[in-house]
């Protein structure tokens, strides 16, 4: 099942695949995003986005992170 973005972030939501900016995020990657947020509650959305891009290697054609689409 593919869910359009944005999806509400609730810990008890079932894991699904999400398509965002042309990239499909697997259920395991969504769980990783949830874990990143839970383990770093003081980080801003921008910093969480940068860390996620680094973890999953999400880059633009010019090599920059695809953190602000």
C-alpha atoms as a PDB file:
ATOM      1  CA  UNK A   1       0.000   0.000   0.000  1.00  0.00           C
ATOM      2  CA  UNK A   2       1.398   3.411  -0.960  1.00  0.00           C
ATOM      3  CA  UNK A   3       0.282   6.435   1.034  1.00  0.00           C
ATOM      4  CA  UNK A   4       0.610   9.984  -0.313  1.00  0.00           C
ATOM      5  CA  UNK A   5       2.720  12.497   1.575  1.00  0.00           C
ATOM      6  CA  UNK A   6       2.308  13.991   4.107  1.00  0.00           C
ATOM      7  CA  UNK A   7       1.201  11.287   6.460  1.00  0.00           C
ATOM      8  CA  UNK A   8       0.400  11.893  10.105  1.00  0.00           C
ATOM      9  CA  UNK A   9       3.198  10.752  12.392  1.00  0.00           C
ATOM     10  CA  UNK A  10       1.830   8.466  15.054  1.00  0.00           C
ATOM     11  CA  UNK A  11       3.926   5.820  16.752  1.00  0.00           C
ATOM     12  CA  UNK A  12       1.193   3.197  16.568  1.00  0.00           C
ATOM     13  CA  UNK A  13       0.517   3.619  12.831  1.00  0.00           C
ATOM     14  CA  UNK A  14       1.060   0.502  10.722  1.00  0.00           C
ATOM     15  CA  UNK A  15       4.151   0.585   8.572  1.00  0.00           C
ATOM     16  CA  UNK A  16       3.409   1.367   4.941  1.00  0.00           C
ATOM     17  CA  UNK A  17       5.365   2.437   1.907  1.00  0.00           C
ATOM     18  CA  UNK A  18       5.317   6.191   1.220  1.00  0.00           C
ATOM     19  CA  UNK A  19       6.172   8.012  -1.999  1.00  0.00           C
ATOM     20  CA  UNK A  20       7.676  11.489  -1.519  1.00  0.00           C
ATOM     21  CA  UNK A  21       9.358  13.639  -4.192  1.00  0.00           C
ATOM     22  CA  UNK A  22       9.646  10.656  -6.501  1.00  0.00           C
ATOM     23  CA  UNK A  23      11.272   8.362  -3.941  1.00  0.00           C
ATOM     24  CA  UNK A  24       9.573   5.387  -2.375  1.00  0.00           C
ATOM     25  CA  UNK A  25      10.350   4.943   1.293  1.00  0.00           C
ATOM     26  CA  UNK A  26       9.981   1.379   2.509  1.00  0.00           C
ATOM     27  CA  UNK A  27       8.271   0.439   5.744  1.00  0.00           C
ATOM     28  CA  UNK A  28      11.712  -0.175   7.250  1.00  0.00           C
ATOM     29  CA  UNK A  29      12.882   3.315   6.245  1.00  0.00           C
ATOM     30  CA  UNK A  30       9.731   4.853   7.734  1.00  0.00           C
ATOM     31  CA  UNK A  31      10.485   2.995  10.961  1.00  0.00           C
ATOM     32  CA  UNK A  32      14.039   4.378  10.804  1.00  0.00           C
ATOM     33  CA  UNK A  33      12.673   7.908  10.433  1.00  0.00           C
ATOM     34  CA  UNK A  34      10.423   7.371  13.441  1.00  0.00           C
ATOM     35  CA  UNK A  35      13.378   6.059  15.426  1.00  0.00           C
ATOM     36  CA  UNK A  36      15.551   9.022  14.380  1.00  0.00           C
ATOM     37  CA  UNK A  37      12.849  11.429  15.600  1.00  0.00           C
ATOM     38  CA  UNK A  38      12.283   9.529  18.858  1.00  0.00           C
ATOM     39  CA  UNK A  39      15.999   9.339  19.646  1.00  0.00           C
ATOM     40  CA  UNK A  40      16.612  13.030  18.872  1.00  0.00           C
ATOM     41  CA  UNK A  41      13.626  14.992  20.217  1.00  0.00           C
ATOM     42  CA  UNK A  42      15.582  18.240  20.557  1.00  0.00           C
ATOM     43  CA  UNK A  43      16.665  18.399  16.904  1.00  0.00           C
ATOM     44  CA  UNK A  44      14.934  20.746  14.489  1.00  0.00           C
ATOM     45  CA  UNK A  45      13.063  19.417  11.469  1.00  0.00           C
ATOM     46  CA  UNK A  46      15.847  20.775   9.262  1.00  0.00           C
ATOM     47  CA  UNK A  47      18.555  18.884  11.169  1.00  0.00           C
ATOM     48  CA  UNK A  48      16.462  15.692  11.227  1.00  0.00           C
ATOM     49  CA  UNK A  49      16.018  16.060   7.466  1.00  0.00           C
ATOM     50  CA  UNK A  50      19.770  16.451   6.909  1.00  0.00           C
ATOM     51  CA  UNK A  51      20.557  13.433   9.056  1.00  0.00           C
ATOM     52  CA  UNK A  52      17.938  11.339   7.268  1.00  0.00           C
ATOM     53  CA  UNK A  53      19.365  12.290   3.870  1.00  0.00           C
ATOM     54  CA  UNK A  54      22.818  11.261   5.052  1.00  0.00           C
ATOM     55  CA  UNK A  55      21.568   7.962   6.468  1.00  0.00           C
ATOM     56  CA  UNK A  56      19.666   6.973   3.336  1.00  0.00           C
ATOM     57  CA  UNK A  57      21.928   8.600   0.778  1.00  0.00           C
ATOM     58  CA  UNK A  58      19.148  10.767  -0.644  1.00  0.00           C
ATOM     59  CA  UNK A  59      20.879  13.259  -2.939  1.00  0.00           C
ATOM     60  CA  UNK A  60      20.083  15.505  -5.892  1.00  0.00           C
ATOM     61  CA  UNK A  61      21.860  15.091  -9.213  1.00  0.00           C
ATOM     62  CA  UNK A  62      24.370  17.762  -8.113  1.00  0.00           C
ATOM     63  CA  UNK A  63      25.287  15.722  -5.016  1.00  0.00           C
ATOM     64  CA  UNK A  64      23.599  17.966  -2.467  1.00  0.00           C
ATOM     65  CA  UNK A  65      21.193  16.501   0.052  1.00  0.00           C
ATOM     66  CA  UNK A  66      17.576  16.347  -1.058  1.00  0.00           C
ATOM     67  CA  UNK A  67      16.456  17.656   2.304  1.00  0.00           C
ATOM     68  CA  UNK A  68      14.382  20.659   1.272  1.00  0.00           C
ATOM     69  CA  UNK A  69      12.145  19.736  -1.633  1.00  0.00           C
END
